[in-house]
Amino acid sequence: MAKESMKAREVKRLKLVQRYAAKRAELKKENDLVGLSKLPRNSNPIRLHNRCKLTGRPKGYMRLFGISRIQFREMASKGLIPGVKKASW
């Protein structure tokens, strides 16, 4: 389980990215590097990091489901993910 502060930091970054998206696009179109450098660092979408929606784990993230590989495996074994079943041959 990730620390709550790490999860909160990602949420804060996401809000900043959304708030400054239009302004950032406008400055990029004008090629205004000075204006871009004055924006907050966390408003850059590159600084976002995918985290598991359930546990906050930053590694082993599966984009299609929005959860980590560990949670995916547990949920698939319990039959909680529609259309996914454990392979056996």
N, C-alpha and C. Protein backbone atom coordinates (compact mmCIF):
# COMPACT_ATOMS: atom_id res chain seq x y z
N MET A 1 0.84 -1.18 0.00
CA MET A 1 0.00 0.00 0.00
C MET A 1 0.88 1.24 0.00
N ALA A 2 0.63 2.14 -0.92
CA ALA A 2 1.40 3.38 -1.00
C ALA A 2 0.98 4.33 0.12
N LYS A 3 1.90 5.22 0.46
CA LYS A 3 1.57 6.22 1.47
C LYS A 3 0.49 7.14 0.93
N GLU A 4 -0.37 7.59 1.80
CA GLU A 4 -1.46 8.48 1.40
C GLU A 4 -0.91 9.78 0.82
N SER A 5 0.23 10.23 1.32
CA SER A 5 0.81 11.47 0.81
C SER A 5 1.24 11.34 -0.65
N MET A 6 1.70 10.15 -1.03
CA MET A 6 2.11 9.94 -2.42
C MET A 6 0.89 9.94 -3.35
N LYS A 7 -0.19 9.32 -2.90
CA LYS A 7 -1.42 9.32 -3.69
C LYS A 7 -1.96 10.74 -3.83
N ALA A 8 -1.93 11.50 -2.74
CA ALA A 8 -2.43 12.87 -2.74
C ALA A 8 -1.58 13.75 -3.66
N ARG A 9 -0.28 13.50 -3.70
CA ARG A 9 0.62 14.28 -4.55
C ARG A 9 0.27 14.08 -6.02
N GLU A 10 -0.05 12.84 -6.38
CA GLU A 10 -0.42 12.55 -7.77
C GLU A 10 -1.74 13.23 -8.14
N VAL A 11 -2.68 13.25 -7.22
CA VAL A 11 -3.97 13.91 -7.47
C VAL A 11 -3.75 15.41 -7.65
N LYS A 12 -2.88 15.99 -6.83
CA LYS A 12 -2.58 17.42 -6.92
C LYS A 12 -1.93 17.74 -8.27
N ARG A 13 -1.00 16.89 -8.70
CA ARG A 13 -0.36 17.09 -10.00
C ARG A 13 -1.37 17.02 -11.14
N LEU A 14 -2.28 16.06 -11.07
CA LEU A 14 -3.29 15.91 -12.11
C LEU A 14 -4.16 17.17 -12.22
N LYS A 15 -4.54 17.74 -11.08
CA LYS A 15 -5.34 18.96 -11.09
C LYS A 15 -4.57 20.12 -11.70
N LEU A 16 -3.28 20.23 -11.38
CA LEU A 16 -2.45 21.29 -11.95
C LEU A 16 -2.31 21.14 -13.46
N VAL A 17 -2.13 19.91 -13.91
CA VAL A 17 -1.99 19.66 -15.35
C VAL A 17 -3.26 20.09 -16.07
N GLN A 18 -4.41 19.75 -15.51
CA GLN A 18 -5.68 20.11 -16.15
C GLN A 18 -5.91 21.62 -16.13
N ARG A 19 -5.49 22.28 -15.04
CA ARG A 19 -5.70 23.72 -14.91
C ARG A 19 -4.87 24.51 -15.94
N TYR A 20 -3.63 24.08 -16.16
CA TYR A 20 -2.72 24.82 -17.03
C TYR A 20 -2.63 24.26 -18.44
N ALA A 21 -3.43 23.29 -18.80
CA ALA A 21 -3.33 22.64 -20.12
C ALA A 21 -3.53 23.64 -21.26
N ALA A 22 -4.56 24.46 -21.18
CA ALA A 22 -4.86 25.40 -22.26
C ALA A 22 -3.75 26.45 -22.38
N LYS A 23 -3.31 26.98 -21.24
CA LYS A 23 -2.26 27.99 -21.25
C LYS A 23 -0.95 27.41 -21.79
N ARG A 24 -0.64 26.18 -21.39
CA ARG A 24 0.58 25.51 -21.85
C ARG A 24 0.53 25.30 -23.36
N ALA A 25 -0.62 24.88 -23.88
CA ALA A 25 -0.76 24.66 -25.32
C ALA A 25 -0.57 25.97 -26.09
N GLU A 26 -1.15 27.05 -25.55
CA GLU A 26 -1.02 28.36 -26.20
C GLU A 26 0.44 28.82 -26.23
N LEU A 27 1.14 28.66 -25.12
CA LEU A 27 2.55 29.06 -25.05
C LEU A 27 3.42 28.21 -25.97
N LYS A 28 3.09 26.94 -26.07
CA LYS A 28 3.85 26.06 -26.96
C LYS A 28 3.65 26.48 -28.42
N LYS A 29 2.42 26.85 -28.76
CA LYS A 29 2.11 27.25 -30.13
C LYS A 29 2.88 28.52 -30.50
N GLU A 30 3.02 29.42 -29.52
CA GLU A 30 3.76 30.67 -29.74
C GLU A 30 5.26 30.49 -29.60
N ASN A 31 5.71 29.33 -29.18
CA ASN A 31 7.13 29.03 -28.96
C ASN A 31 7.73 29.94 -27.88
N ASP A 32 6.95 30.22 -26.85
CA ASP A 32 7.37 31.10 -25.76
C ASP A 32 8.00 30.28 -24.64
N LEU A 33 9.30 30.08 -24.72
CA LEU A 33 9.99 29.24 -23.73
C LEU A 33 10.06 29.92 -22.37
N VAL A 34 10.16 31.24 -22.35
CA VAL A 34 10.21 31.97 -21.08
C VAL A 34 8.88 31.82 -20.35
N GLY A 35 7.79 31.95 -21.09
CA GLY A 35 6.45 31.79 -20.50
C GLY A 35 6.24 30.38 -19.97
N LEU A 36 6.71 29.40 -20.73
CA LEU A 36 6.58 28.01 -20.29
C LEU A 36 7.37 27.75 -19.01
N SER A 37 8.55 28.36 -18.91
CA SER A 37 9.39 28.13 -17.73
C SER A 37 8.81 28.77 -16.48
N LYS A 38 7.90 29.74 -16.65
CA LYS A 38 7.29 30.40 -15.49
C LYS A 38 6.10 29.61 -14.94
N LEU A 39 5.60 28.64 -15.69
CA LEU A 39 4.50 27.81 -15.20
C LEU A 39 5.03 26.88 -14.10
N PRO A 40 4.15 26.42 -13.21
CA PRO A 40 4.60 25.49 -12.17
C PRO A 40 5.14 24.19 -12.78
N ARG A 41 6.15 23.63 -12.16
CA ARG A 41 6.74 22.40 -12.68
C ARG A 41 5.74 21.25 -12.73
N ASN A 42 4.92 21.16 -11.71
CA ASN A 42 3.97 20.04 -11.65
C ASN A 42 2.80 20.20 -12.62
N SER A 43 2.77 21.29 -13.36
CA SER A 43 1.71 21.44 -14.35
C SER A 43 2.10 20.78 -15.67
N ASN A 44 3.29 20.23 -15.73
CA ASN A 44 3.75 19.52 -16.93
C ASN A 44 3.24 18.08 -16.89
N PRO A 45 2.54 17.61 -17.93
CA PRO A 45 1.97 16.26 -17.91
C PRO A 45 3.02 15.15 -17.83
N ILE A 46 4.27 15.47 -18.16
CA ILE A 46 5.34 14.47 -18.09
C ILE A 46 5.55 14.02 -16.64
N ARG A 47 5.27 14.90 -15.70
CA ARG A 47 5.53 14.59 -14.29
C ARG A 47 4.47 13.68 -13.66
N LEU A 48 3.39 13.40 -14.38
CA LEU A 48 2.38 12.48 -13.87
C LEU A 48 2.92 11.04 -13.91
N HIS A 49 2.49 10.24 -12.95
CA HIS A 49 2.92 8.85 -12.91
C HIS A 49 1.69 7.98 -12.65
N ASN A 50 1.53 6.93 -13.44
CA ASN A 50 0.38 6.04 -13.26
C ASN A 50 0.50 5.27 -11.96
N ARG A 51 -0.59 5.20 -11.23
CA ARG A 51 -0.63 4.44 -9.98
C ARG A 51 -1.89 3.58 -9.95
N CYS A 52 -1.80 2.46 -9.25
CA CYS A 52 -2.94 1.56 -9.08
C CYS A 52 -4.06 2.31 -8.35
N LYS A 53 -5.28 2.18 -8.85
CA LYS A 53 -6.42 2.87 -8.24
C LYS A 53 -6.76 2.30 -6.87
N LEU A 54 -6.41 1.04 -6.62
CA LEU A 54 -6.77 0.40 -5.36
C LEU A 54 -5.70 0.56 -4.29
N THR A 55 -4.45 0.32 -4.67
CA THR A 55 -3.37 0.32 -3.68
C THR A 55 -2.41 1.49 -3.79
N GLY A 56 -2.37 2.13 -4.94
CA GLY A 56 -1.44 3.23 -5.14
C GLY A 56 -0.06 2.79 -5.59
N ARG A 57 0.09 1.51 -5.91
CA ARG A 57 1.38 0.98 -6.33
C ARG A 57 1.81 1.62 -7.65
N PRO A 58 3.07 2.16 -7.71
CA PRO A 58 3.49 2.85 -8.92
C PRO A 58 4.06 1.93 -10.00
N LYS A 59 4.46 0.74 -9.64
CA LYS A 59 5.08 -0.17 -10.61
C LYS A 59 4.12 -1.30 -10.96
N GLY A 60 4.31 -1.88 -12.13
CA GLY A 60 3.46 -2.99 -12.55
C GLY A 60 2.04 -2.55 -12.86
N TYR A 61 1.89 -1.35 -13.39
CA TYR A 61 0.58 -0.77 -13.66
C TYR A 61 0.06 -1.24 -15.02
N MET A 62 -1.18 -1.69 -15.08
CA MET A 62 -1.80 -2.12 -16.33
C MET A 62 -2.79 -1.04 -16.76
N ARG A 63 -2.47 -0.34 -17.85
CA ARG A 63 -3.29 0.80 -18.29
C ARG A 63 -4.72 0.42 -18.63
N LEU A 64 -4.89 -0.73 -19.25
CA LEU A 64 -6.22 -1.13 -19.70
C LEU A 64 -7.20 -1.24 -18.53
N PHE A 65 -6.70 -1.65 -17.37
CA PHE A 65 -7.56 -1.86 -16.21
C PHE A 65 -7.39 -0.81 -15.13
N GLY A 66 -6.28 -0.08 -15.14
CA GLY A 66 -6.05 0.97 -14.14
C GLY A 66 -5.62 0.45 -12.80
N ILE A 67 -5.14 -0.80 -12.75
CA ILE A 67 -4.70 -1.39 -11.49
C ILE A 67 -3.34 -2.06 -11.69
N SER A 68 -2.71 -2.43 -10.59
CA SER A 68 -1.40 -3.08 -10.67
C SER A 68 -1.57 -4.55 -11.02
N ARG A 69 -0.48 -5.16 -11.44
CA ARG A 69 -0.50 -6.56 -11.85
C ARG A 69 -0.92 -7.48 -10.71
N ILE A 70 -0.55 -7.12 -9.49
CA ILE A 70 -0.88 -7.95 -8.33
C ILE A 70 -2.38 -7.94 -8.08
N GLN A 71 -2.97 -6.73 -8.08
CA GLN A 71 -4.41 -6.61 -7.88
C GLN A 71 -5.17 -7.25 -9.03
N PHE A 72 -4.63 -7.11 -10.25
CA PHE A 72 -5.26 -7.72 -11.41
C PHE A 72 -5.34 -9.24 -11.24
N ARG A 73 -4.25 -9.84 -10.81
CA ARG A 73 -4.20 -11.30 -10.65
C ARG A 73 -5.19 -11.76 -9.58
N GLU A 74 -5.22 -11.05 -8.45
CA GLU A 74 -6.14 -11.42 -7.38
C GLU A 74 -7.60 -11.30 -7.83
N MET A 75 -7.92 -10.20 -8.50
CA MET A 75 -9.29 -9.98 -8.95
C MET A 75 -9.69 -10.97 -10.04
N ALA A 76 -8.75 -11.30 -10.93
CA ALA A 76 -9.05 -12.27 -12.00
C ALA A 76 -9.28 -13.65 -11.41
N SER A 77 -8.51 -14.02 -10.39
CA SER A 77 -8.68 -15.33 -9.75
C SER A 77 -10.03 -15.44 -9.06
N LYS A 78 -10.50 -14.32 -8.51
CA LYS A 78 -11.80 -14.32 -7.82
C LYS A 78 -12.96 -14.16 -8.79
N GLY A 79 -12.65 -13.89 -10.07
CA GLY A 79 -13.70 -13.73 -11.08
C GLY A 79 -14.34 -12.37 -11.07
N LEU A 80 -13.63 -11.35 -10.58
CA LEU A 80 -14.20 -10.01 -10.47
C LEU A 80 -14.01 -9.18 -11.75
N ILE A 81 -13.18 -9.64 -12.67
CA ILE A 81 -12.95 -8.92 -13.92
C ILE A 81 -13.66 -9.68 -15.03
N PRO A 82 -14.68 -9.08 -15.64
CA PRO A 82 -15.43 -9.78 -16.68
C PRO A 82 -14.56 -10.12 -17.89
N GLY A 83 -14.72 -11.33 -18.39
CA GLY A 83 -14.01 -11.76 -19.60
C GLY A 83 -12.59 -12.21 -19.37
N VAL A 84 -12.14 -12.24 -18.14
CA VAL A 84 -10.77 -12.65 -17.84
C VAL A 84 -10.83 -13.90 -16.97
N LYS A 85 -10.09 -14.93 -17.39
CA LYS A 85 -10.02 -16.12 -16.56
C LYS A 85 -8.58 -16.64 -16.61
N LYS A 86 -8.22 -17.39 -15.61
CA LYS A 86 -6.87 -17.90 -15.50
C LYS A 86 -6.63 -18.96 -16.57
N ALA A 87 -5.52 -18.83 -17.27
CA ALA A 87 -5.21 -19.79 -18.33
C ALA A 87 -4.61 -21.05 -17.72
N SER A 88 -4.94 -22.18 -18.30
CA SER A 88 -4.32 -23.46 -17.88
C SER A 88 -4.26 -24.35 -19.09
N TRP A 89 -3.11 -24.98 -19.28
CA TRP A 89 -2.94 -25.89 -20.41
C TRP A 89 -2.05 -27.03 -20.04
